[in-house]
């Protein structure tokens, strides 16, 4: 009798653990519909700076009025992290992986393609198959949840001889938040 009760409860415990593993973190994401790098959309520029300081990600001198850039890690890779603001509110974040061509010295575009494929696989696993636009090699995901639309773009650029480095980038743009803030300023100013 004890074995039967134990078997019944152990099966139930295993089922609950499996459900928690599958669905337990479905509302929390490091980047996506809720924000970027665990920073919520609408966060002030000062609060983003505090969070980056807590992570020991230094601010890049290329930062300007439209965006703040930090050097740090994204998805296990060294990256430049970009935060864009409207009305002192965060609406767009991105990670840029630069200099992959020269660092690895592979004489070709293999490492850029590797990074792009790696991120594409991870994003497809999380958000499903991307869409494409004519004459653009980038991948796009449009995520609509909780009354917000976030566009995710994954792209790459190959290095030009004597010019730019190769790049792979992923951007998260909360288009709903941006449009609301833009309209709010227009209404205020008129």
N, C-alpha and C. Protein backbone atom coordinates (compact mmCIF):
# COMPACT_ATOMS: atom_id res chain seq x y z
N UNK A 1 0.81 -1.18 0.00
CA UNK A 1 0.00 0.00 0.00
C UNK A 1 0.87 1.26 0.00
N UNK A 2 1.93 1.28 0.81
CA UNK A 2 2.83 2.43 0.84
C UNK A 2 3.48 2.64 -0.51
N UNK A 3 3.83 1.55 -1.20
CA UNK A 3 4.46 1.67 -2.51
C UNK A 3 3.49 2.33 -3.49
N UNK A 4 2.24 1.97 -3.43
CA UNK A 4 1.22 2.54 -4.32
C UNK A 4 1.05 4.03 -4.10
N UNK A 5 1.01 4.44 -2.83
CA UNK A 5 0.87 5.86 -2.51
C UNK A 5 2.12 6.62 -2.95
N UNK A 6 3.29 6.04 -2.67
CA UNK A 6 4.55 6.67 -3.08
C UNK A 6 4.61 6.82 -4.60
N UNK A 7 4.24 5.79 -5.31
CA UNK A 7 4.25 5.81 -6.77
C UNK A 7 3.30 6.88 -7.30
N UNK A 8 2.13 6.98 -6.69
CA UNK A 8 1.14 7.95 -7.13
C UNK A 8 1.66 9.38 -6.91
N UNK A 9 2.22 9.65 -5.74
CA UNK A 9 2.72 11.00 -5.46
C UNK A 9 3.99 11.31 -6.23
N UNK A 10 4.86 10.34 -6.43
CA UNK A 10 6.09 10.60 -7.17
C UNK A 10 5.78 10.93 -8.62
N UNK A 11 4.79 10.29 -9.22
CA UNK A 11 4.39 10.61 -10.59
C UNK A 11 3.82 12.03 -10.65
N UNK A 12 3.02 12.38 -9.64
CA UNK A 12 2.43 13.70 -9.60
C UNK A 12 3.53 14.77 -9.41
N UNK A 13 4.49 14.52 -8.57
CA UNK A 13 5.59 15.46 -8.34
C UNK A 13 6.41 15.64 -9.61
N UNK A 14 6.68 14.56 -10.29
CA UNK A 14 7.44 14.64 -11.54
C UNK A 14 6.66 15.45 -12.58
N UNK A 15 5.36 15.21 -12.66
CA UNK A 15 4.53 15.96 -13.62
C UNK A 15 4.54 17.45 -13.30
N UNK A 16 4.42 17.80 -12.02
CA UNK A 16 4.44 19.21 -11.62
C UNK A 16 5.79 19.84 -11.95
N UNK A 17 6.88 19.14 -11.67
CA UNK A 17 8.22 19.66 -11.98
C UNK A 17 8.39 19.87 -13.48
N UNK A 18 7.91 18.95 -14.28
CA UNK A 18 8.00 19.10 -15.73
C UNK A 18 7.20 20.31 -16.20
N UNK A 19 6.01 20.50 -15.67
CA UNK A 19 5.20 21.66 -16.04
C UNK A 19 5.87 22.97 -15.65
N UNK A 20 6.48 22.98 -14.46
CA UNK A 20 7.19 24.19 -14.03
C UNK A 20 8.38 24.48 -14.94
N UNK A 21 9.09 23.44 -15.34
CA UNK A 21 10.23 23.63 -16.23
C UNK A 21 9.77 24.16 -17.59
N UNK A 22 8.66 23.67 -18.08
CA UNK A 22 8.18 24.08 -19.39
C UNK A 22 7.55 25.45 -19.36
N UNK A 23 6.66 25.72 -18.39
CA UNK A 23 5.89 26.95 -18.38
C UNK A 23 6.29 27.94 -17.30
N UNK A 24 7.14 27.56 -16.39
CA UNK A 24 7.45 28.40 -15.24
C UNK A 24 8.03 29.75 -15.58
N UNK A 25 8.86 29.84 -16.59
CA UNK A 25 9.51 31.11 -16.92
C UNK A 25 8.94 31.76 -18.17
N UNK A 26 7.76 31.38 -18.58
CA UNK A 26 7.24 31.88 -19.85
C UNK A 26 6.99 33.39 -19.85
N UNK A 27 6.79 34.01 -18.70
CA UNK A 27 6.53 35.44 -18.66
C UNK A 27 7.78 36.27 -18.44
N UNK A 28 8.90 35.66 -18.22
CA UNK A 28 10.13 36.38 -17.93
C UNK A 28 11.10 36.15 -19.08
N UNK A 29 11.61 37.24 -19.64
CA UNK A 29 12.59 37.09 -20.70
C UNK A 29 13.66 38.15 -20.54
N UNK A 30 14.89 37.79 -20.85
CA UNK A 30 15.98 38.74 -20.76
C UNK A 30 15.82 39.83 -21.80
N UNK A 31 15.36 39.48 -22.98
CA UNK A 31 15.12 40.44 -24.04
C UNK A 31 13.89 39.99 -24.81
N UNK A 32 13.06 40.93 -25.16
CA UNK A 32 11.86 40.59 -25.90
C UNK A 32 10.72 41.53 -25.60
N UNK A 33 9.55 41.00 -25.37
CA UNK A 33 8.35 41.80 -25.22
C UNK A 33 8.38 42.69 -23.97
N UNK A 34 9.06 42.25 -22.91
CA UNK A 34 9.09 43.01 -21.66
C UNK A 34 10.20 44.05 -21.60
N UNK A 35 11.22 43.89 -22.41
CA UNK A 35 12.34 44.82 -22.37
C UNK A 35 13.56 44.22 -23.03
N UNK A 36 14.72 44.79 -22.73
CA UNK A 36 15.98 44.35 -23.31
C UNK A 36 17.00 44.27 -22.18
N UNK A 37 17.69 43.18 -22.09
CA UNK A 37 18.70 42.97 -21.05
C UNK A 37 18.09 43.12 -19.65
N UNK A 38 16.88 42.64 -19.48
CA UNK A 38 16.15 42.75 -18.20
C UNK A 38 15.89 44.19 -17.79
N UNK A 39 15.91 45.11 -18.74
CA UNK A 39 15.56 46.51 -18.49
C UNK A 39 14.22 46.75 -19.18
N UNK A 40 13.25 47.18 -18.40
CA UNK A 40 11.89 47.36 -18.90
C UNK A 40 11.81 48.53 -19.88
N UNK A 41 10.93 48.38 -20.88
CA UNK A 41 10.65 49.50 -21.78
C UNK A 41 10.14 50.68 -20.94
N UNK A 42 10.57 51.88 -21.29
CA UNK A 42 10.13 53.07 -20.58
C UNK A 42 11.05 53.49 -19.44
N UNK A 43 12.06 52.68 -19.14
CA UNK A 43 13.01 53.01 -18.08
C UNK A 43 13.75 54.30 -18.46
N UNK A 44 14.02 55.15 -17.47
CA UNK A 44 14.71 56.41 -17.75
C UNK A 44 16.17 56.17 -18.12
N UNK A 45 16.74 57.13 -18.81
CA UNK A 45 18.15 57.06 -19.22
C UNK A 45 19.06 56.91 -18.00
N UNK A 46 18.76 57.65 -16.95
CA UNK A 46 19.57 57.56 -15.73
C UNK A 46 19.52 56.19 -15.09
N UNK A 47 18.33 55.57 -15.07
CA UNK A 47 18.20 54.23 -14.49
C UNK A 47 18.89 53.17 -15.35
N UNK A 48 18.88 53.36 -16.68
CA UNK A 48 19.63 52.44 -17.55
C UNK A 48 21.11 52.56 -17.23
N UNK A 49 21.60 53.79 -17.08
CA UNK A 49 23.02 54.01 -16.77
C UNK A 49 23.40 53.35 -15.43
N UNK A 50 22.51 53.47 -14.43
CA UNK A 50 22.78 52.82 -13.14
C UNK A 50 22.88 51.31 -13.29
N UNK A 51 21.96 50.72 -14.07
CA UNK A 51 21.96 49.26 -14.26
C UNK A 51 23.24 48.81 -14.97
N UNK A 52 23.67 49.56 -15.98
CA UNK A 52 24.89 49.20 -16.70
C UNK A 52 26.11 49.33 -15.78
N UNK A 53 26.11 50.33 -14.91
CA UNK A 53 27.20 50.48 -13.94
C UNK A 53 27.22 49.30 -12.97
N UNK A 54 26.03 48.85 -12.53
CA UNK A 54 25.95 47.67 -11.65
C UNK A 54 26.55 46.44 -12.32
N UNK A 55 26.37 46.35 -13.64
CA UNK A 55 26.90 45.21 -14.40
C UNK A 55 28.37 45.40 -14.78
N UNK A 56 28.93 46.56 -14.42
CA UNK A 56 30.31 46.93 -14.77
C UNK A 56 30.52 46.99 -16.28
N UNK A 57 29.51 47.48 -17.00
CA UNK A 57 29.60 47.69 -18.44
C UNK A 57 29.91 49.16 -18.67
N UNK A 58 31.14 49.49 -19.10
CA UNK A 58 31.50 50.90 -19.27
C UNK A 58 30.76 51.55 -20.44
N UNK A 59 30.51 52.86 -20.27
CA UNK A 59 29.86 53.63 -21.33
C UNK A 59 30.88 53.95 -22.41
N UNK A 60 30.49 53.77 -23.65
CA UNK A 60 31.35 54.00 -24.80
C UNK A 60 31.35 55.48 -25.16
N UNK A 61 32.50 56.03 -25.55
CA UNK A 61 32.55 57.45 -25.91
C UNK A 61 31.71 57.79 -27.15
N UNK A 62 31.28 56.78 -27.92
CA UNK A 62 30.44 57.03 -29.10
C UNK A 62 28.99 57.34 -28.73
N UNK A 63 28.67 57.27 -27.44
CA UNK A 63 27.31 57.61 -27.01
C UNK A 63 27.00 59.04 -27.41
N UNK A 64 25.72 59.32 -27.66
CA UNK A 64 25.34 60.67 -28.05
C UNK A 64 23.92 60.97 -27.56
N UNK A 65 23.36 62.07 -28.04
CA UNK A 65 22.04 62.52 -27.58
C UNK A 65 20.96 61.47 -27.88
N UNK A 66 21.07 60.77 -29.00
CA UNK A 66 20.03 59.82 -29.40
C UNK A 66 20.18 58.43 -28.78
N UNK A 67 21.39 58.07 -28.38
CA UNK A 67 21.59 56.71 -27.88
C UNK A 67 22.78 56.63 -26.93
N UNK A 68 22.68 55.69 -26.01
CA UNK A 68 23.79 55.37 -25.11
C UNK A 68 24.33 54.02 -25.51
N UNK A 69 25.66 53.90 -25.53
CA UNK A 69 26.31 52.65 -25.92
C UNK A 69 27.19 52.19 -24.76
N UNK A 70 27.12 50.91 -24.46
CA UNK A 70 27.93 50.32 -23.41
C UNK A 70 28.66 49.11 -23.96
N UNK A 71 29.82 48.81 -23.38
CA UNK A 71 30.55 47.61 -23.74
C UNK A 71 30.21 46.55 -22.70
N UNK A 72 29.79 45.39 -23.18
CA UNK A 72 29.41 44.34 -22.24
C UNK A 72 29.22 43.00 -22.92
N UNK A 73 28.40 42.18 -22.33
CA UNK A 73 28.14 40.84 -22.83
C UNK A 73 26.67 40.70 -23.19
N UNK A 74 26.41 39.97 -24.27
CA UNK A 74 25.05 39.67 -24.69
C UNK A 74 25.04 38.24 -25.22
N UNK A 75 24.20 37.42 -24.65
CA UNK A 75 24.06 36.01 -25.07
C UNK A 75 25.41 35.30 -25.10
N UNK A 76 26.26 35.63 -24.12
CA UNK A 76 27.54 34.94 -23.99
C UNK A 76 28.64 35.46 -24.90
N UNK A 77 28.41 36.58 -25.59
CA UNK A 77 29.41 37.14 -26.49
C UNK A 77 29.65 38.61 -26.15
N UNK A 78 30.90 39.05 -26.34
CA UNK A 78 31.24 40.46 -26.13
C UNK A 78 30.51 41.29 -27.19
N UNK A 79 29.91 42.40 -26.75
CA UNK A 79 29.11 43.21 -27.68
C UNK A 79 29.08 44.66 -27.24
N UNK A 80 28.70 45.51 -28.17
CA UNK A 80 28.33 46.88 -27.86
C UNK A 80 26.82 46.88 -27.69
N UNK A 81 26.35 47.39 -26.57
CA UNK A 81 24.93 47.40 -26.25
C UNK A 81 24.40 48.81 -26.43
N UNK A 82 23.38 48.95 -27.24
CA UNK A 82 22.84 50.25 -27.58
C UNK A 82 21.45 50.42 -26.98
N UNK A 83 21.22 51.57 -26.36
CA UNK A 83 19.93 51.91 -25.77
C UNK A 83 19.47 53.23 -26.38
N UNK A 84 18.28 53.24 -26.97
CA UNK A 84 17.71 54.45 -27.58
C UNK A 84 16.54 54.93 -26.72
N UNK A 85 16.37 56.27 -26.70
CA UNK A 85 15.37 56.88 -25.82
C UNK A 85 14.50 57.86 -26.59
N UNK A 86 13.27 57.98 -26.14
CA UNK A 86 12.38 59.03 -26.59
C UNK A 86 11.75 59.60 -25.32
N UNK A 87 11.83 60.93 -25.16
CA UNK A 87 11.32 61.59 -23.94
C UNK A 87 11.94 61.01 -22.68
N UNK A 88 13.24 60.71 -22.73
CA UNK A 88 13.96 60.11 -21.60
C UNK A 88 13.41 58.75 -21.21
N UNK A 89 12.79 58.06 -22.15
CA UNK A 89 12.23 56.73 -21.88
C UNK A 89 12.80 55.74 -22.88
N UNK A 90 13.28 54.62 -22.39
CA UNK A 90 13.90 53.58 -23.19
C UNK A 90 12.88 52.88 -24.08
N UNK A 91 13.15 52.83 -25.41
CA UNK A 91 12.23 52.15 -26.33
C UNK A 91 12.92 51.17 -27.29
N UNK A 92 14.25 51.21 -27.39
CA UNK A 92 14.94 50.35 -28.35
C UNK A 92 16.30 49.94 -27.81
N UNK A 93 16.60 48.65 -27.92
CA UNK A 93 17.89 48.14 -27.46
C UNK A 93 18.49 47.22 -28.50
N UNK A 94 19.79 47.18 -28.52
CA UNK A 94 20.44 46.31 -29.49
C UNK A 94 21.82 45.86 -29.03
N UNK A 95 22.27 44.81 -29.67
CA UNK A 95 23.62 44.29 -29.42
C UNK A 95 24.34 44.23 -30.76
N UNK A 96 25.55 44.74 -30.79
CA UNK A 96 26.35 44.78 -32.00
C UNK A 96 27.66 44.05 -31.73
N UNK A 97 27.92 43.07 -32.55
CA UNK A 97 29.14 42.27 -32.44
C UNK A 97 30.06 42.70 -33.57
N UNK A 98 31.13 43.42 -33.21
CA UNK A 98 32.00 44.05 -34.20
C UNK A 98 33.35 43.37 -34.23
N UNK A 99 34.05 43.58 -35.33
CA UNK A 99 35.44 43.18 -35.47
C UNK A 99 35.61 41.67 -35.49
N UNK A 100 34.57 40.94 -35.79
CA UNK A 100 34.69 39.49 -35.82
C UNK A 100 35.63 39.06 -36.94
N UNK A 101 35.69 39.80 -38.01
CA UNK A 101 36.55 39.46 -39.14
C UNK A 101 38.02 39.57 -38.76
N UNK A 102 38.40 40.70 -38.20
CA UNK A 102 39.81 40.92 -37.88
C UNK A 102 40.27 40.14 -36.66
N UNK A 103 39.42 40.00 -35.69
CA UNK A 103 39.81 39.28 -34.48
C UNK A 103 40.15 37.83 -34.81
N UNK A 104 39.31 37.21 -35.61
CA UNK A 104 39.52 35.80 -35.92
C UNK A 104 40.42 35.61 -37.13
N UNK A 105 40.63 36.66 -37.94
CA UNK A 105 41.56 36.61 -39.06
C UNK A 105 41.33 35.45 -40.00
N UNK A 106 40.08 35.09 -40.23
CA UNK A 106 39.83 33.92 -41.06
C UNK A 106 39.91 34.22 -42.55
N UNK A 107 40.16 35.50 -42.90
CA UNK A 107 40.32 35.84 -44.30
C UNK A 107 39.03 35.77 -45.09
N UNK A 108 37.93 35.53 -44.43
CA UNK A 108 36.65 35.44 -45.13
C UNK A 108 35.53 35.87 -44.22
N UNK A 109 34.35 35.41 -44.53
CA UNK A 109 33.18 35.83 -43.78
C UNK A 109 32.63 34.71 -42.89
N UNK A 110 33.38 33.67 -42.69
CA UNK A 110 32.91 32.51 -41.95
C UNK A 110 32.46 32.80 -40.54
N UNK A 111 33.20 33.63 -39.80
CA UNK A 111 32.85 33.89 -38.41
C UNK A 111 31.59 34.75 -38.32
N UNK A 112 31.42 35.64 -39.28
CA UNK A 112 30.19 36.46 -39.30
C UNK A 112 29.00 35.55 -39.55
N UNK A 113 29.13 34.65 -40.50
CA UNK A 113 28.05 33.70 -40.79
C UNK A 113 27.78 32.81 -39.58
N UNK A 114 28.85 32.41 -38.87
CA UNK A 114 28.67 31.57 -37.68
C UNK A 114 27.86 32.31 -36.61
N UNK A 115 28.23 33.56 -36.29
CA UNK A 115 27.50 34.33 -35.29
C UNK A 115 26.04 34.50 -35.72
N UNK A 116 25.84 34.86 -36.98
CA UNK A 116 24.48 35.07 -37.49
C UNK A 116 23.64 33.80 -37.34
N UNK A 117 24.20 32.67 -37.75
CA UNK A 117 23.48 31.39 -37.64
C UNK A 117 23.18 31.05 -36.19
N UNK A 118 24.16 31.28 -35.31
CA UNK A 118 23.99 30.96 -33.89
C UNK A 118 22.83 31.77 -33.30
N UNK A 119 22.80 33.07 -33.55
CA UNK A 119 21.72 33.91 -33.03
C UNK A 119 20.39 33.59 -33.70
N UNK A 120 20.43 33.33 -35.01
CA UNK A 120 19.19 32.97 -35.71
C UNK A 120 18.58 31.71 -35.11
N UNK A 121 19.39 30.72 -34.82
CA UNK A 121 18.90 29.48 -34.23
C UNK A 121 18.25 29.75 -32.88
N UNK A 122 18.90 30.57 -32.06
CA UNK A 122 18.35 30.88 -30.73
C UNK A 122 17.05 31.67 -30.83
N UNK A 123 17.00 32.65 -31.73
CA UNK A 123 15.79 33.46 -31.87
C UNK A 123 14.65 32.65 -32.48
N UNK A 124 14.94 31.78 -33.43
CA UNK A 124 13.92 30.92 -34.01
C UNK A 124 13.36 29.99 -32.95
N UNK A 125 14.24 29.49 -32.09
CA UNK A 125 13.80 28.61 -31.01
C UNK A 125 12.85 29.34 -30.06
N UNK A 126 13.10 30.62 -29.83
CA UNK A 126 12.29 31.39 -28.88
C UNK A 126 11.03 31.99 -29.52
N UNK A 127 11.14 32.50 -30.77
CA UNK A 127 10.05 33.26 -31.37
C UNK A 127 9.45 32.63 -32.63
N UNK A 128 9.98 31.53 -33.10
CA UNK A 128 9.47 30.92 -34.33
C UNK A 128 10.21 31.43 -35.56
N UNK A 129 9.72 31.05 -36.71
CA UNK A 129 10.38 31.42 -37.96
C UNK A 129 10.26 32.92 -38.24
N UNK A 130 11.35 33.52 -38.74
CA UNK A 130 11.33 34.95 -39.03
C UNK A 130 10.69 35.25 -40.38
N UNK A 131 10.42 36.52 -40.60
CA UNK A 131 10.00 36.97 -41.92
C UNK A 131 11.20 37.67 -42.56
N UNK A 132 11.10 37.89 -43.85
CA UNK A 132 12.17 38.59 -44.58
C UNK A 132 11.54 39.70 -45.39
N UNK A 133 12.36 40.68 -45.74
CA UNK A 133 11.92 41.78 -46.58
C UNK A 133 12.70 41.72 -47.89
N UNK A 134 12.08 42.17 -48.97
CA UNK A 134 12.79 42.13 -50.26
C UNK A 134 14.10 42.91 -50.20
N UNK A 135 15.12 42.37 -50.82
CA UNK A 135 16.44 43.00 -50.92
C UNK A 135 17.09 43.24 -49.57
N UNK A 136 16.77 42.43 -48.59
CA UNK A 136 17.34 42.57 -47.25
C UNK A 136 17.61 41.16 -46.72
N UNK A 137 18.85 40.90 -46.35
CA UNK A 137 19.22 39.57 -45.84
C UNK A 137 18.90 39.39 -44.37
N UNK A 138 18.41 40.43 -43.72
CA UNK A 138 18.11 40.36 -42.29
C UNK A 138 16.88 39.51 -42.03
N UNK A 139 16.77 39.05 -40.78
CA UNK A 139 15.59 38.32 -40.33
C UNK A 139 14.79 39.23 -39.41
N UNK A 140 13.46 39.11 -39.47
CA UNK A 140 12.57 39.95 -38.66
C UNK A 140 11.56 39.08 -37.91
N UNK A 141 11.30 39.46 -36.68
CA UNK A 141 10.23 38.86 -35.89
C UNK A 141 9.37 40.00 -35.39
N UNK A 142 8.07 39.90 -35.51
CA UNK A 142 7.14 40.87 -34.94
C UNK A 142 6.35 40.15 -33.86
N UNK A 143 6.62 40.53 -32.63
CA UNK A 143 6.02 39.89 -31.47
C UNK A 143 4.93 40.83 -30.94
N UNK A 144 3.72 40.33 -30.83
CA UNK A 144 2.62 41.12 -30.28
C UNK A 144 2.05 40.40 -29.08
N UNK A 145 2.23 41.02 -27.92
CA UNK A 145 1.72 40.49 -26.65
C UNK A 145 1.44 41.65 -25.73
N UNK A 146 0.53 41.46 -24.82
CA UNK A 146 0.26 42.42 -23.76
C UNK A 146 0.05 43.83 -24.29
N UNK A 147 -0.54 43.96 -25.48
CA UNK A 147 -0.81 45.26 -26.07
C UNK A 147 0.41 45.96 -26.64
N UNK A 148 1.52 45.27 -26.78
CA UNK A 148 2.74 45.86 -27.34
C UNK A 148 3.20 45.08 -28.56
N UNK A 149 3.83 45.82 -29.47
CA UNK A 149 4.42 45.19 -30.64
C UNK A 149 5.92 45.49 -30.63
N UNK A 150 6.69 44.43 -30.57
CA UNK A 150 8.14 44.56 -30.57
C UNK A 150 8.67 43.91 -31.84
N UNK A 151 9.48 44.67 -32.57
CA UNK A 151 10.12 44.11 -33.75
C UNK A 151 11.56 43.75 -33.39
N UNK A 152 11.94 42.55 -33.75
CA UNK A 152 13.30 42.09 -33.53
C UNK A 152 13.94 41.92 -34.90
N UNK A 153 15.11 42.49 -35.08
CA UNK A 153 15.83 42.39 -36.35
C UNK A 153 17.20 41.81 -36.10
N UNK A 154 17.54 40.78 -36.86
CA UNK A 154 18.87 40.18 -36.82
C UNK A 154 19.50 40.38 -38.18
N UNK A 155 20.67 41.01 -38.21
CA UNK A 155 21.32 41.28 -39.49
C UNK A 155 22.83 41.11 -39.41
N UNK A 156 23.46 41.24 -40.58
CA UNK A 156 24.92 41.13 -40.65
C UNK A 156 25.43 41.98 -41.80
N UNK A 157 26.67 42.42 -41.66
CA UNK A 157 27.37 43.15 -42.71
C UNK A 157 28.75 42.53 -42.82
N UNK A 158 29.18 42.29 -44.03
CA UNK A 158 30.53 41.79 -44.25
C UNK A 158 31.50 42.97 -44.32
N UNK A 159 32.76 42.74 -43.96
CA UNK A 159 33.74 43.84 -44.00
C UNK A 159 34.04 44.25 -45.44
N UNK A 160 34.33 45.52 -45.59
CA UNK A 160 34.73 46.01 -46.90
C UNK A 160 36.24 46.15 -46.89
N UNK A 161 36.88 45.90 -48.02
CA UNK A 161 38.34 46.01 -48.11
C UNK A 161 38.77 47.41 -47.70
N UNK A 162 39.67 47.47 -46.73
CA UNK A 162 40.20 48.73 -46.26
C UNK A 162 39.18 49.59 -45.53
N UNK A 163 38.03 49.02 -45.24
CA UNK A 163 36.98 49.82 -44.62
C UNK A 163 36.47 49.20 -43.34
N UNK A 164 35.18 49.11 -43.27
CA UNK A 164 34.48 48.71 -42.07
C UNK A 164 34.76 47.27 -41.67
N UNK A 165 34.61 47.00 -40.39
CA UNK A 165 34.71 45.64 -39.88
C UNK A 165 33.42 44.89 -40.18
N UNK A 166 33.47 43.56 -40.06
CA UNK A 166 32.26 42.78 -40.17
C UNK A 166 31.43 42.94 -38.91
N UNK A 167 30.11 42.82 -39.06
CA UNK A 167 29.22 43.02 -37.92
C UNK A 167 28.06 42.04 -37.97
N UNK A 168 27.63 41.66 -36.81
CA UNK A 168 26.36 40.98 -36.63
C UNK A 168 25.62 41.78 -35.58
N UNK A 169 24.33 42.02 -35.79
CA UNK A 169 23.58 42.84 -34.84
C UNK A 169 22.19 42.26 -34.64
N UNK A 170 21.67 42.51 -33.45
CA UNK A 170 20.28 42.17 -33.14
C UNK A 170 19.68 43.38 -32.44
N UNK A 171 18.52 43.82 -32.93
CA UNK A 171 17.83 45.00 -32.36
C UNK A 171 16.44 44.62 -31.91
N UNK A 172 16.03 45.19 -30.79
CA UNK A 172 14.69 45.02 -30.23
C UNK A 172 14.06 46.41 -30.17
N UNK A 173 13.01 46.64 -30.94
CA UNK A 173 12.34 47.94 -30.97
C UNK A 173 10.90 47.80 -30.52
N UNK A 174 10.55 48.49 -29.43
CA UNK A 174 9.17 48.48 -28.98
C UNK A 174 8.43 49.58 -29.75
N UNK A 175 7.83 49.18 -30.86
CA UNK A 175 7.19 50.14 -31.74
C UNK A 175 5.93 50.75 -31.12
N UNK A 176 5.21 49.99 -30.34
CA UNK A 176 4.00 50.51 -29.69
C UNK A 176 4.37 51.61 -28.71
N UNK A 177 5.37 51.36 -27.86
CA UNK A 177 5.81 52.36 -26.88
C UNK A 177 6.32 53.61 -27.59
N UNK A 178 7.12 53.44 -28.63
CA UNK A 178 7.67 54.57 -29.38
C UNK A 178 6.56 55.44 -29.95
N UNK A 179 5.58 54.82 -30.59
CA UNK A 179 4.48 55.57 -31.20
C UNK A 179 3.66 56.32 -30.14
N UNK A 180 3.41 55.68 -28.99
CA UNK A 180 2.66 56.36 -27.91
C UNK A 180 3.42 57.57 -27.39
N UNK A 181 4.73 57.43 -27.19
CA UNK A 181 5.54 58.54 -26.69
C UNK A 181 5.63 59.66 -27.72
N UNK A 182 5.77 59.30 -28.97
CA UNK A 182 5.82 60.29 -30.04
C UNK A 182 4.51 61.08 -30.10
N UNK A 183 3.38 60.37 -30.00
CA UNK A 183 2.07 61.03 -30.01
C UNK A 183 1.87 61.90 -28.77
N UNK A 184 2.36 61.43 -27.62
CA UNK A 184 2.23 62.19 -26.38
C UNK A 184 2.95 63.53 -26.49
N UNK A 185 4.15 63.54 -27.08
CA UNK A 185 4.91 64.77 -27.25
C UNK A 185 4.22 65.68 -28.25
N UNK A 186 3.73 65.10 -29.33
CA UNK A 186 3.03 65.91 -30.33
C UNK A 186 1.81 66.58 -29.70
N UNK A 187 1.03 65.82 -28.95
CA UNK A 187 -0.16 66.38 -28.28
C UNK A 187 0.24 67.47 -27.28
N UNK A 188 1.32 67.24 -26.56
CA UNK A 188 1.77 68.22 -25.58
C UNK A 188 2.23 69.51 -26.26
N UNK A 189 2.96 69.36 -27.36
CA UNK A 189 3.54 70.53 -28.04
C UNK A 189 2.51 71.32 -28.83
N UNK A 190 1.46 70.67 -29.28
CA UNK A 190 0.46 71.39 -30.07
C UNK A 190 -0.58 71.91 -29.15
